[in-house]
Amino acid sequence: AAPLPFRSLRDAEEPQPGHGESGRRQPLWLVLEHIQDPMNLGALLRS
């Protein structure tokens, strides 16, 4: 299959309060700075 690219934040739709996946709760985002091991990255995404 073709590679799966990262998505650009410039193309991301900002979630609106009270809508979408977040619903009533506060949104929670995870930022990964310079994770280089593919096994670690996969495990992080799974969690």
All heavy atoms as atom14 arrays in JSON, in Angstrom:
{
  "sequence": "AAPLPFRSLRDAEEPQPGHGESGRRQPLWLVLEHIQDPMNLGALLRS",
  "atom14_mask": [
    [1, 1, 1, 1, 1, 0, 0, 0, 0, 0, 0, 0, 0, 0],
    [1, 1, 1, 1, 1, 0, 0, 0, 0, 0, 0, 0, 0, 0],
    [1, 1, 1, 1, 1, 1, 1, 0, 0, 0, 0, 0, 0, 0],
    [1, 1, 1, 1, 1, 1, 1, 1, 0, 0, 0, 0, 0, 0],
    [1, 1, 1, 1, 1, 1, 1, 0, 0, 0, 0, 0, 0, 0],
    [1, 1, 1, 1, 1, 1, 1, 1, 1, 1, 1, 0, 0, 0],
    [1, 1, 1, 1, 1, 1, 1, 1, 1, 1, 1, 0, 0, 0],
    [1, 1, 1, 1, 1, 1, 0, 0, 0, 0, 0, 0, 0, 0],
    [1, 1, 1, 1, 1, 1, 1, 1, 0, 0, 0, 0, 0, 0],
    [1, 1, 1, 1, 1, 1, 1, 1, 1, 1, 1, 0, 0, 0],
    [1, 1, 1, 1, 1, 1, 1, 1, 0, 0, 0, 0, 0, 0],
    [1, 1, 1, 1, 1, 0, 0, 0, 0, 0, 0, 0, 0, 0],
    [1, 1, 1, 1, 1, 1, 1, 1, 1, 0, 0, 0, 0, 0],
    [1, 1, 1, 1, 1, 1, 1, 1, 1, 0, 0, 0, 0, 0],
    [1, 1, 1, 1, 1, 1, 1, 0, 0, 0, 0, 0, 0, 0],
    [1, 1, 1, 1, 1, 1, 1, 1, 1, 0, 0, 0, 0, 0],
    [1, 1, 1, 1, 1, 1, 1, 0, 0, 0, 0, 0, 0, 0],
    [1, 1, 1, 1, 0, 0, 0, 0, 0, 0, 0, 0, 0, 0],
    [1, 1, 1, 1, 1, 1, 1, 1, 1, 1, 0, 0, 0, 0],
    [1, 1, 1, 1, 0, 0, 0, 0, 0, 0, 0, 0, 0, 0],
    [1, 1, 1, 1, 1, 1, 1, 1, 1, 0, 0, 0, 0, 0],
    [1, 1, 1, 1, 1, 1, 0, 0, 0, 0, 0, 0, 0, 0],
    [1, 1, 1, 1, 0, 0, 0, 0, 0, 0, 0, 0, 0, 0],
    [1, 1, 1, 1, 1, 1, 1, 1, 1, 1, 1, 0, 0, 0],
    [1, 1, 1, 1, 1, 1, 1, 1, 1, 1, 1, 0, 0, 0],
    [1, 1, 1, 1, 1, 1, 1, 1, 1, 0, 0, 0, 0, 0],
    [1, 1, 1, 1, 1, 1, 1, 0, 0, 0, 0, 0, 0, 0],
    [1, 1, 1, 1, 1, 1, 1, 1, 0, 0, 0, 0, 0, 0],
    [1, 1, 1, 1, 1, 1, 1, 1, 1, 1, 1, 1, 1, 1],
    [1, 1, 1, 1, 1, 1, 1, 1, 0, 0, 0, 0, 0, 0],
    [1, 1, 1, 1, 1, 1, 1, 0, 0, 0, 0, 0, 0, 0],
    [1, 1, 1, 1, 1, 1, 1, 1, 0, 0, 0, 0, 0, 0],
    [1, 1, 1, 1, 1, 1, 1, 1, 1, 0, 0, 0, 0, 0],
    [1, 1, 1, 1, 1, 1, 1, 1, 1, 1, 0, 0, 0, 0],
    [1, 1, 1, 1, 1, 1, 1, 1, 0, 0, 0, 0, 0, 0],
    [1, 1, 1, 1, 1, 1, 1, 1, 1, 0, 0, 0, 0, 0],
    [1, 1, 1, 1, 1, 1, 1, 1, 0, 0, 0, 0, 0, 0],
    [1, 1, 1, 1, 1, 1, 1, 0, 0, 0, 0, 0, 0, 0],
    [1, 1, 1, 1, 1, 1, 1, 1, 0, 0, 0, 0, 0, 0],
    [1, 1, 1, 1, 1, 1, 1, 1, 0, 0, 0, 0, 0, 0],
    [1, 1, 1, 1, 1, 1, 1, 1, 0, 0, 0, 0, 0, 0],
    [1, 1, 1, 1, 0, 0, 0, 0, 0, 0, 0, 0, 0, 0],
    [1, 1, 1, 1, 1, 0, 0, 0, 0, 0, 0, 0, 0, 0],
    [1, 1, 1, 1, 1, 1, 1, 1, 0, 0, 0, 0, 0, 0],
    [1, 1, 1, 1, 1, 1, 1, 1, 0, 0, 0, 0, 0, 0],
    [1, 1, 1, 1, 1, 1, 1, 1, 1, 1, 1, 0, 0, 0],
    [1, 1, 1, 1, 1, 1, 0, 0, 0, 0, 0, 0, 0, 0]
  ],
  "atom14_positions": [
    [[0.84, -1.2, 0.0], [0.0, 0.0, 0.0], [0.87, 1.24, 0.0], [2.07, 1.19, 0.27], [-0.91, 0.0, 1.23], [0.0, 0.0, 0.0], [0.0, 0.0, 0.0], [0.0, 0.0, 0.0], [0.0, 0.0, 0.0], [0.0, 0.0, 0.0], [0.0, 0.0, 0.0], [0.0, 0.0, 0.0], [0.0, 0.0, 0.0], [0.0, 0.0, 0.0]],
    [[0.26, 2.37, -0.31], [0.98, 3.64, -0.28], [1.27, 4.04, 1.16], [0.54, 3.66, 2.08], [0.13, 4.72, -0.96], [0.0, 0.0, 0.0], [0.0, 0.0, 0.0], [0.0, 0.0, 0.0], [0.0, 0.0, 0.0], [0.0, 0.0, 0.0], [0.0, 0.0, 0.0], [0.0, 0.0, 0.0], [0.0, 0.0, 0.0], [0.0, 0.0, 0.0]],
    [[2.34, 4.82, 1.38], [2.63, 5.3, 2.74], [1.49, 6.15, 3.28], [0.73, 6.76, 2.53], [3.9, 6.14, 2.55], [4.51, 5.67, 1.27], [3.36, 5.25, 0.41], [0.0, 0.0, 0.0], [0.0, 0.0, 0.0], [0.0, 0.0, 0.0], [0.0, 0.0, 0.0], [0.0, 0.0, 0.0], [0.0, 0.0, 0.0], [0.0, 0.0, 0.0]],
    [[1.38, 6.17, 4.59], [0.36, 6.97, 5.26], [1.05, 8.23, 5.78], [1.91, 8.15, 6.67], [-0.24, 6.18, 6.42], [-1.57, 6.65, 6.98], [-2.67, 6.63, 5.92], [-1.98, 5.77, 8.16], [0.0, 0.0, 0.0], [0.0, 0.0, 0.0], [0.0, 0.0, 0.0], [0.0, 0.0, 0.0], [0.0, 0.0, 0.0], [0.0, 0.0, 0.0]],
    [[0.74, 9.4, 5.25], [1.45, 10.61, 5.67], [0.86, 11.2, 6.94], [-0.28, 10.91, 7.33], [1.24, 11.56, 4.49], [-0.12, 11.16, 3.96], [-0.22, 9.66, 4.16], [0.0, 0.0, 0.0], [0.0, 0.0, 0.0], [0.0, 0.0, 0.0], [0.0, 0.0, 0.0], [0.0, 0.0, 0.0], [0.0, 0.0, 0.0], [0.0, 0.0, 0.0]],
    [[1.66, 12.03, 7.61], [1.11, 12.89, 8.65], [0.15, 13.89, 8.01], [0.33, 14.3, 6.87], [2.22, 13.67, 9.35], [3.11, 12.85, 10.23], [4.42, 12.6, 9.86], [2.65, 12.33, 11.42], [5.26, 11.85, 10.67], [3.48, 11.58, 12.24], [4.79, 11.34, 11.87], [0.0, 0.0, 0.0], [0.0, 0.0, 0.0], [0.0, 0.0, 0.0]],
    [[-0.86, 14.28, 8.76], [-1.74, 15.35, 8.3], [-1.19, 16.69, 8.76], [-0.58, 16.79, 9.82], [-3.16, 15.15, 8.84], [-3.87, 13.96, 8.24], [-5.36, 14.0, 8.53], [-6.0, 15.19, 7.98], [-7.28, 15.5, 8.17], [-8.05, 14.71, 8.9], [-7.79, 16.58, 7.64], [0.0, 0.0, 0.0], [0.0, 0.0, 0.0], [0.0, 0.0, 0.0]],
    [[-1.42, 17.71, 7.98], [-0.95, 19.05, 8.33], [-1.96, 19.73, 9.25], [-3.18, 19.68, 9.02], [-0.77, 19.89, 7.07], [-0.54, 21.25, 7.4], [0.0, 0.0, 0.0], [0.0, 0.0, 0.0], [0.0, 0.0, 0.0], [0.0, 0.0, 0.0], [0.0, 0.0, 0.0], [0.0, 0.0, 0.0], [0.0, 0.0, 0.0], [0.0, 0.0, 0.0]],
    [[-1.44, 20.39, 10.27], [-2.33, 21.14, 11.16], [-3.03, 22.26, 10.42], [-4.12, 22.69, 10.81], [-1.53, 21.72, 12.33], [-1.26, 20.76, 13.49], [-0.3, 21.39, 14.48], [-2.54, 20.34, 14.18], [0.0, 0.0, 0.0], [0.0, 0.0, 0.0], [0.0, 0.0, 0.0], [0.0, 0.0, 0.0], [0.0, 0.0, 0.0], [0.0, 0.0, 0.0]],
    [[-2.42, 22.73, 9.34], [-3.05, 23.81, 8.56], [-4.36, 23.34, 7.92], [-5.24, 24.15, 7.63], [-2.1, 24.31, 7.48], [-0.91, 25.1, 8.02], [-0.08, 25.69, 6.89], [0.63, 24.66, 6.16], [1.85, 24.22, 6.48], [2.47, 24.73, 7.52], [2.45, 23.29, 5.78], [0.0, 0.0, 0.0], [0.0, 0.0, 0.0], [0.0, 0.0, 0.0]],
    [[-4.48, 22.02, 7.7], [-5.67, 21.47, 7.07], [-6.68, 20.94, 8.09], [-7.73, 20.43, 7.72], [-5.29, 20.32, 6.13], [-4.33, 20.78, 5.04], [-4.4, 21.96, 4.65], [-3.49, 19.96, 4.6], [0.0, 0.0, 0.0], [0.0, 0.0, 0.0], [0.0, 0.0, 0.0], [0.0, 0.0, 0.0], [0.0, 0.0, 0.0], [0.0, 0.0, 0.0]],
    [[-6.33, 21.04, 9.38], [-7.18, 20.43, 10.41], [-8.36, 21.33, 10.72], [-8.24, 22.55, 10.81], [-6.37, 20.18, 11.69], [0.0, 0.0, 0.0], [0.0, 0.0, 0.0], [0.0, 0.0, 0.0], [0.0, 0.0, 0.0], [0.0, 0.0, 0.0], [0.0, 0.0, 0.0], [0.0, 0.0, 0.0], [0.0, 0.0, 0.0], [0.0, 0.0, 0.0]],
    [[-9.51, 20.7, 10.89], [-10.69, 21.43, 11.33], [-10.65, 21.53, 12.85], [-10.46, 20.55, 13.55], [-11.97, 20.71, 10.9], [-12.19, 20.67, 9.4], [-13.5, 20.01, 9.04], [-14.27, 19.69, 9.97], [-13.75, 19.82, 7.85], [0.0, 0.0, 0.0], [0.0, 0.0, 0.0], [0.0, 0.0, 0.0], [0.0, 0.0, 0.0], [0.0, 0.0, 0.0]],
    [[-10.81, 22.74, 13.34], [-10.8, 22.92, 14.79], [-12.13, 22.44, 15.37], [-13.2, 22.84, 14.91], [-10.59, 24.41, 15.14], [-9.2, 24.91, 14.81], [-8.12, 24.18, 15.62], [-8.34, 23.93, 16.81], [-7.08, 23.86, 15.04], [0.0, 0.0, 0.0], [0.0, 0.0, 0.0], [0.0, 0.0, 0.0], [0.0, 0.0, 0.0], [0.0, 0.0, 0.0]],
    [[-12.08, 21.58, 16.41], [-13.34, 21.12, 17.02], [-14.06, 22.26, 17.71], [-13.43, 23.11, 18.34], [-12.86, 20.07, 18.04], [-11.43, 20.43, 18.32], [-10.9, 21.02, 17.05], [0.0, 0.0, 0.0], [0.0, 0.0, 0.0], [0.0, 0.0, 0.0], [0.0, 0.0, 0.0], [0.0, 0.0, 0.0], [0.0, 0.0, 0.0], [0.0, 0.0, 0.0]],
    [[-15.36, 22.31, 17.52], [-16.16, 23.34, 18.16], [-16.61, 22.87, 19.54], [-16.94, 21.7, 19.73], [-17.4, 23.67, 17.31], [-17.05, 24.19, 15.93], [-16.25, 25.47, 15.99], [-16.6, 26.39, 16.72], [-15.16, 25.53, 15.22], [0.0, 0.0, 0.0], [0.0, 0.0, 0.0], [0.0, 0.0, 0.0], [0.0, 0.0, 0.0], [0.0, 0.0, 0.0]],
    [[-16.63, 23.76, 20.53], [-17.07, 23.36, 21.87], [-18.44, 22.72, 21.83], [-19.37, 23.24, 21.21], [-17.08, 24.68, 22.65], [-16.11, 25.57, 21.91], [-16.24, 25.18, 20.47], [0.0, 0.0, 0.0], [0.0, 0.0, 0.0], [0.0, 0.0, 0.0], [0.0, 0.0, 0.0], [0.0, 0.0, 0.0], [0.0, 0.0, 0.0], [0.0, 0.0, 0.0]],
    [[-18.56, 21.57, 22.5], [-19.84, 20.89, 22.57], [-20.18, 20.06, 21.36], [-21.28, 19.53, 21.26], [0.0, 0.0, 0.0], [0.0, 0.0, 0.0], [0.0, 0.0, 0.0], [0.0, 0.0, 0.0], [0.0, 0.0, 0.0], [0.0, 0.0, 0.0], [0.0, 0.0, 0.0], [0.0, 0.0, 0.0], [0.0, 0.0, 0.0], [0.0, 0.0, 0.0]],
    [[-19.24, 19.93, 20.4], [-19.52, 19.17, 19.2], [-18.45, 18.12, 18.98], [-17.39, 18.16, 19.56], [-19.57, 20.09, 17.97], [-20.74, 21.01, 17.97], [-20.73, 22.19, 18.67], [-21.96, 20.92, 17.38], [-21.89, 22.8, 18.49], [-22.65, 22.05, 17.71], [0.0, 0.0, 0.0], [0.0, 0.0, 0.0], [0.0, 0.0, 0.0], [0.0, 0.0, 0.0]],
    [[-18.76, 17.19, 18.1], [-17.76, 16.23, 17.65], [-17.39, 15.22, 18.71], [-18.15, 14.92, 19.63], [0.0, 0.0, 0.0], [0.0, 0.0, 0.0], [0.0, 0.0, 0.0], [0.0, 0.0, 0.0], [0.0, 0.0, 0.0], [0.0, 0.0, 0.0], [0.0, 0.0, 0.0], [0.0, 0.0, 0.0], [0.0, 0.0, 0.0], [0.0, 0.0, 0.0]],
    [[-16.16, 14.72, 18.58], [-15.72, 13.62, 19.42], [-15.65, 14.02, 20.88], [-15.83, 13.21, 21.78], [-14.34, 13.15, 18.93], [-13.91, 11.83, 19.51], [-12.59, 11.38, 18.9], [-12.25, 11.85, 17.8], [-11.93, 10.55, 19.53], [0.0, 0.0, 0.0], [0.0, 0.0, 0.0], [0.0, 0.0, 0.0], [0.0, 0.0, 0.0], [0.0, 0.0, 0.0]],
    [[-15.36, 15.3, 21.16], [-15.17, 15.72, 22.53], [-16.48, 15.79, 23.31], [-16.5, 15.56, 24.51], [-14.47, 17.08, 22.58], [-13.19, 17.0, 22.03], [0.0, 0.0, 0.0], [0.0, 0.0, 0.0], [0.0, 0.0, 0.0], [0.0, 0.0, 0.0], [0.0, 0.0, 0.0], [0.0, 0.0, 0.0], [0.0, 0.0, 0.0], [0.0, 0.0, 0.0]],
    [[-17.59, 16.12, 22.62], [-18.86, 16.22, 23.32], [-18.81, 17.29, 24.39], [-18.36, 18.4, 24.17], [0.0, 0.0, 0.0], [0.0, 0.0, 0.0], [0.0, 0.0, 0.0], [0.0, 0.0, 0.0], [0.0, 0.0, 0.0], [0.0, 0.0, 0.0], [0.0, 0.0, 0.0], [0.0, 0.0, 0.0], [0.0, 0.0, 0.0], [0.0, 0.0, 0.0]],
    [[-19.26, 16.93, 25.64], [-19.31, 17.91, 26.72], [-17.96, 18.1, 27.39], [-17.74, 19.07, 28.1], [-20.31, 17.46, 27.78], [-21.75, 17.45, 27.32], [-22.69, 17.1, 28.47], [-22.44, 15.76, 28.97], [-21.95, 15.47, 30.16], [-21.6, 16.43, 30.98], [-21.8, 14.22, 30.56], [0.0, 0.0, 0.0], [0.0, 0.0, 0.0], [0.0, 0.0, 0.0]],
    [[-17.05, 17.18, 27.22], [-15.82, 17.21, 28.0], [-14.78, 18.13, 27.37], [-14.89, 18.53, 26.22], [-15.26, 15.8, 28.13], [-14.85, 15.17, 26.8], [-14.23, 13.81, 27.06], [-13.98, 13.08, 25.84], [-12.92, 13.27, 25.05], [-12.03, 14.2, 25.36], [-12.75, 12.55, 23.96], [0.0, 0.0, 0.0], [0.0, 0.0, 0.0], [0.0, 0.0, 0.0]],
    [[-13.77, 18.42, 28.16], [-12.66, 19.22, 27.67], [-11.81, 18.37, 26.71], [-11.59, 17.19, 26.96], [-11.78, 19.67, 28.84], [-12.5, 20.51, 29.89], [-12.81, 21.91, 29.39], [-12.52, 22.25, 28.25], [-13.42, 22.71, 30.24], [0.0, 0.0, 0.0], [0.0, 0.0, 0.0], [0.0, 0.0, 0.0], [0.0, 0.0, 0.0], [0.0, 0.0, 0.0]],
    [[-11.31, 18.97, 25.63], [-10.47, 18.2, 24.7], [-9.11, 17.87, 25.31], [-8.58, 18.61, 26.16], [-10.34, 19.12, 23.49], [-10.64, 20.49, 24.01], [-11.59, 20.33, 25.14], [0.0, 0.0, 0.0], [0.0, 0.0, 0.0], [0.0, 0.0, 0.0], [0.0, 0.0, 0.0], [0.0, 0.0, 0.0], [0.0, 0.0, 0.0], [0.0, 0.0, 0.0]],
    [[-8.55, 16.76, 24.86], [-7.25, 16.28, 25.31], [-6.41, 15.95, 24.08], [-6.79, 15.08, 23.28], [-7.41, 15.03, 26.19], [-6.13, 14.28, 26.58], [-5.2, 15.17, 27.38], [-6.51, 13.02, 27.38], [0.0, 0.0, 0.0], [0.0, 0.0, 0.0], [0.0, 0.0, 0.0], [0.0, 0.0, 0.0], [0.0, 0.0, 0.0], [0.0, 0.0, 0.0]],
    [[-5.29, 16.65, 23.91], [-4.39, 16.42, 22.79], [-3.05, 15.91, 23.32], [-2.63, 16.27, 24.43], [-4.15, 17.69, 21.99], [-5.34, 18.17, 21.2], [-6.63, 17.71, 21.28], [-5.35, 19.21, 20.21], [-7.44, 18.41, 20.41], [-6.68, 19.33, 19.74], [-4.37, 20.04, 19.69], [-7.04, 20.25, 18.77], [-4.72, 20.97, 18.72], [-6.05, 21.06, 18.26]],
    [[-2.39, 15.1, 22.53], [-1.07, 14.58, 22.86], [-0.07, 15.09, 21.83], [-0.29, 14.94, 20.62], [-1.09, 13.04, 22.86], [0.23, 12.34, 23.16], [0.67, 12.59, 24.6], [0.11, 10.84, 22.88], [0.0, 0.0, 0.0], [0.0, 0.0, 0.0], [0.0, 0.0, 0.0], [0.0, 0.0, 0.0], [0.0, 0.0, 0.0], [0.0, 0.0, 0.0]],
    [[1.02, 15.68, 22.3], [2.09, 16.16, 21.42], [3.32, 15.3, 21.64], [3.74, 15.05, 22.78], [2.4, 17.64, 21.7], [3.73, 18.04, 21.07], [1.28, 18.53, 21.17], [0.0, 0.0, 0.0], [0.0, 0.0, 0.0], [0.0, 0.0, 0.0], [0.0, 0.0, 0.0], [0.0, 0.0, 0.0], [0.0, 0.0, 0.0], [0.0, 0.0, 0.0]],
    [[3.91, 14.83, 20.55], [5.09, 13.97, 20.59], [6.27, 14.73, 20.01], [6.28, 15.07, 18.83], [4.83, 12.69, 19.8], [3.57, 11.91, 20.2], [3.38, 10.72, 19.26], [3.65, 11.45, 21.65], [0.0, 0.0, 0.0], [0.0, 0.0, 0.0], [0.0, 0.0, 0.0], [0.0, 0.0, 0.0], [0.0, 0.0, 0.0], [0.0, 0.0, 0.0]],
    [[7.29, 14.97, 20.84], [8.45, 15.72, 20.4], [9.62, 14.77, 20.13], [10.18, 14.18, 21.04], [8.86, 16.76, 21.46], [10.03, 17.62, 21.0], [10.48, 18.63, 22.04], [10.37, 18.33, 23.26], [10.95, 19.71, 21.64], [0.0, 0.0, 0.0], [0.0, 0.0, 0.0], [0.0, 0.0, 0.0], [0.0, 0.0, 0.0], [0.0, 0.0, 0.0]],
    [[9.94, 14.6, 18.86], [11.13, 13.84, 18.43], [11.13, 12.38, 18.9], [12.15, 11.88, 19.35], [12.41, 14.55, 18.91], [12.52, 15.96, 18.44], [13.31, 16.9, 19.08], [11.95, 16.62, 17.4], [13.21, 18.07, 18.45], [12.39, 17.92, 17.42], [0.0, 0.0, 0.0], [0.0, 0.0, 0.0], [0.0, 0.0, 0.0], [0.0, 0.0, 0.0]],
    [[9.97, 11.72, 18.79], [9.92, 10.28, 19.03], [10.49, 9.58, 17.8], [10.0, 9.77, 16.68], [8.47, 9.81, 19.29], [7.91, 10.51, 20.53], [8.42, 8.29, 19.45], [8.63, 10.21, 21.82], [0.0, 0.0, 0.0], [0.0, 0.0, 0.0], [0.0, 0.0, 0.0], [0.0, 0.0, 0.0], [0.0, 0.0, 0.0], [0.0, 0.0, 0.0]],
    [[11.52, 8.78, 17.98], [12.25, 8.24, 16.84], [12.11, 6.73, 16.66], [12.38, 6.22, 15.57], [13.73, 8.61, 16.96], [13.94, 10.12, 16.91], [15.39, 10.52, 16.97], [16.23, 9.79, 17.48], [15.71, 11.69, 16.43], [0.0, 0.0, 0.0], [0.0, 0.0, 0.0], [0.0, 0.0, 0.0], [0.0, 0.0, 0.0], [0.0, 0.0, 0.0]],
    [[11.72, 6.01, 17.68], [11.61, 4.56, 17.57], [10.21, 4.17, 17.08], [9.22, 4.57, 17.7], [11.89, 3.9, 18.92], [11.85, 2.39, 18.84], [10.76, 1.82, 19.02], [12.89, 1.78, 18.57], [0.0, 0.0, 0.0], [0.0, 0.0, 0.0], [0.0, 0.0, 0.0], [0.0, 0.0, 0.0], [0.0, 0.0, 0.0], [0.0, 0.0, 0.0]],
    [[10.1, 3.42, 15.98], [8.77, 3.11, 15.44], [7.92, 2.25, 16.38], [6.69, 2.39, 16.41], [9.08, 2.36, 14.14], [10.48, 1.88, 14.28], [11.19, 2.88, 15.12], [0.0, 0.0, 0.0], [0.0, 0.0, 0.0], [0.0, 0.0, 0.0], [0.0, 0.0, 0.0], [0.0, 0.0, 0.0], [0.0, 0.0, 0.0], [0.0, 0.0, 0.0]],
    [[8.55, 1.37, 17.18], [7.78, 0.58, 18.14], [7.18, 1.48, 19.22], [6.03, 1.31, 19.63], [8.66, -0.5, 18.76], [9.19, -1.52, 17.78], [7.9, -2.52, 17.02], [7.42, -3.53, 18.43], [0.0, 0.0, 0.0], [0.0, 0.0, 0.0], [0.0, 0.0, 0.0], [0.0, 0.0, 0.0], [0.0, 0.0, 0.0], [0.0, 0.0, 0.0]],
    [[7.97, 2.45, 19.7], [7.46, 3.4, 20.68], [6.33, 4.25, 20.1], [5.3, 4.47, 20.75], [8.58, 4.32, 21.18], [9.46, 3.66, 22.21], [9.06, 2.73, 22.9], [10.69, 4.14, 22.33], [0.0, 0.0, 0.0], [0.0, 0.0, 0.0], [0.0, 0.0, 0.0], [0.0, 0.0, 0.0], [0.0, 0.0, 0.0], [0.0, 0.0, 0.0]],
    [[6.53, 4.74, 18.87], [5.49, 5.57, 18.26], [4.2, 4.78, 18.09], [3.11, 5.28, 18.4], [5.98, 6.1, 16.9], [4.98, 6.98, 16.14], [4.52, 8.15, 16.98], [5.6, 7.48, 14.83], [0.0, 0.0, 0.0], [0.0, 0.0, 0.0], [0.0, 0.0, 0.0], [0.0, 0.0, 0.0], [0.0, 0.0, 0.0], [0.0, 0.0, 0.0]],
    [[4.29, 3.54, 17.62], [3.1, 2.72, 17.48], [2.4, 2.49, 18.81], [1.17, 2.58, 18.91], [0.0, 0.0, 0.0], [0.0, 0.0, 0.0], [0.0, 0.0, 0.0], [0.0, 0.0, 0.0], [0.0, 0.0, 0.0], [0.0, 0.0, 0.0], [0.0, 0.0, 0.0], [0.0, 0.0, 0.0], [0.0, 0.0, 0.0], [0.0, 0.0, 0.0]],
    [[3.18, 2.19, 19.85], [2.59, 1.96, 21.18], [1.95, 3.23, 21.72], [0.88, 3.18, 22.35], [3.67, 1.45, 22.13], [0.0, 0.0, 0.0], [0.0, 0.0, 0.0], [0.0, 0.0, 0.0], [0.0, 0.0, 0.0], [0.0, 0.0, 0.0], [0.0, 0.0, 0.0], [0.0, 0.0, 0.0], [0.0, 0.0, 0.0], [0.0, 0.0, 0.0]],
    [[2.58, 4.38, 21.49], [1.99, 5.66, 21.92], [0.65, 5.91, 21.24], [-0.32, 6.32, 21.89], [2.96, 6.79, 21.59], [4.16, 6.96, 22.53], [5.27, 7.76, 21.86], [3.72, 7.65, 23.83], [0.0, 0.0, 0.0], [0.0, 0.0, 0.0], [0.0, 0.0, 0.0], [0.0, 0.0, 0.0], [0.0, 0.0, 0.0], [0.0, 0.0, 0.0]],
    [[0.58, 5.65, 19.94], [-0.67, 5.89, 19.21], [-1.75, 4.91, 19.66], [-2.93, 5.28, 19.76], [-0.42, 5.76, 17.71], [0.52, 6.81, 17.11], [0.8, 6.52, 15.65], [-0.06, 8.21, 17.28], [0.0, 0.0, 0.0], [0.0, 0.0, 0.0], [0.0, 0.0, 0.0], [0.0, 0.0, 0.0], [0.0, 0.0, 0.0], [0.0, 0.0, 0.0]],
    [[-1.36, 3.67, 19.95], [-2.33, 2.69, 20.43], [-2.93, 3.14, 21.77], [-4.16, 3.1, 21.97], [-1.64, 1.33, 20.58], [-2.56, 0.2, 21.0], [-1.8, -1.12, 21.01], [-2.68, -2.25, 21.27], [-2.28, -3.52, 21.25], [-1.01, -3.82, 20.98], [-3.14, -4.5, 21.49], [0.0, 0.0, 0.0], [0.0, 0.0, 0.0], [0.0, 0.0, 0.0]],
    [[-2.07, 3.6, 22.69], [-2.55, 4.06, 24.0], [-3.41, 5.32, 23.85], [-4.45, 5.46, 24.51], [-1.37, 4.34, 24.93], [-0.66, 3.15, 25.23], [0.0, 0.0, 0.0], [0.0, 0.0, 0.0], [0.0, 0.0, 0.0], [0.0, 0.0, 0.0], [0.0, 0.0, 0.0], [0.0, 0.0, 0.0], [0.0, 0.0, 0.0], [0.0, 0.0, 0.0]]
  ]
}
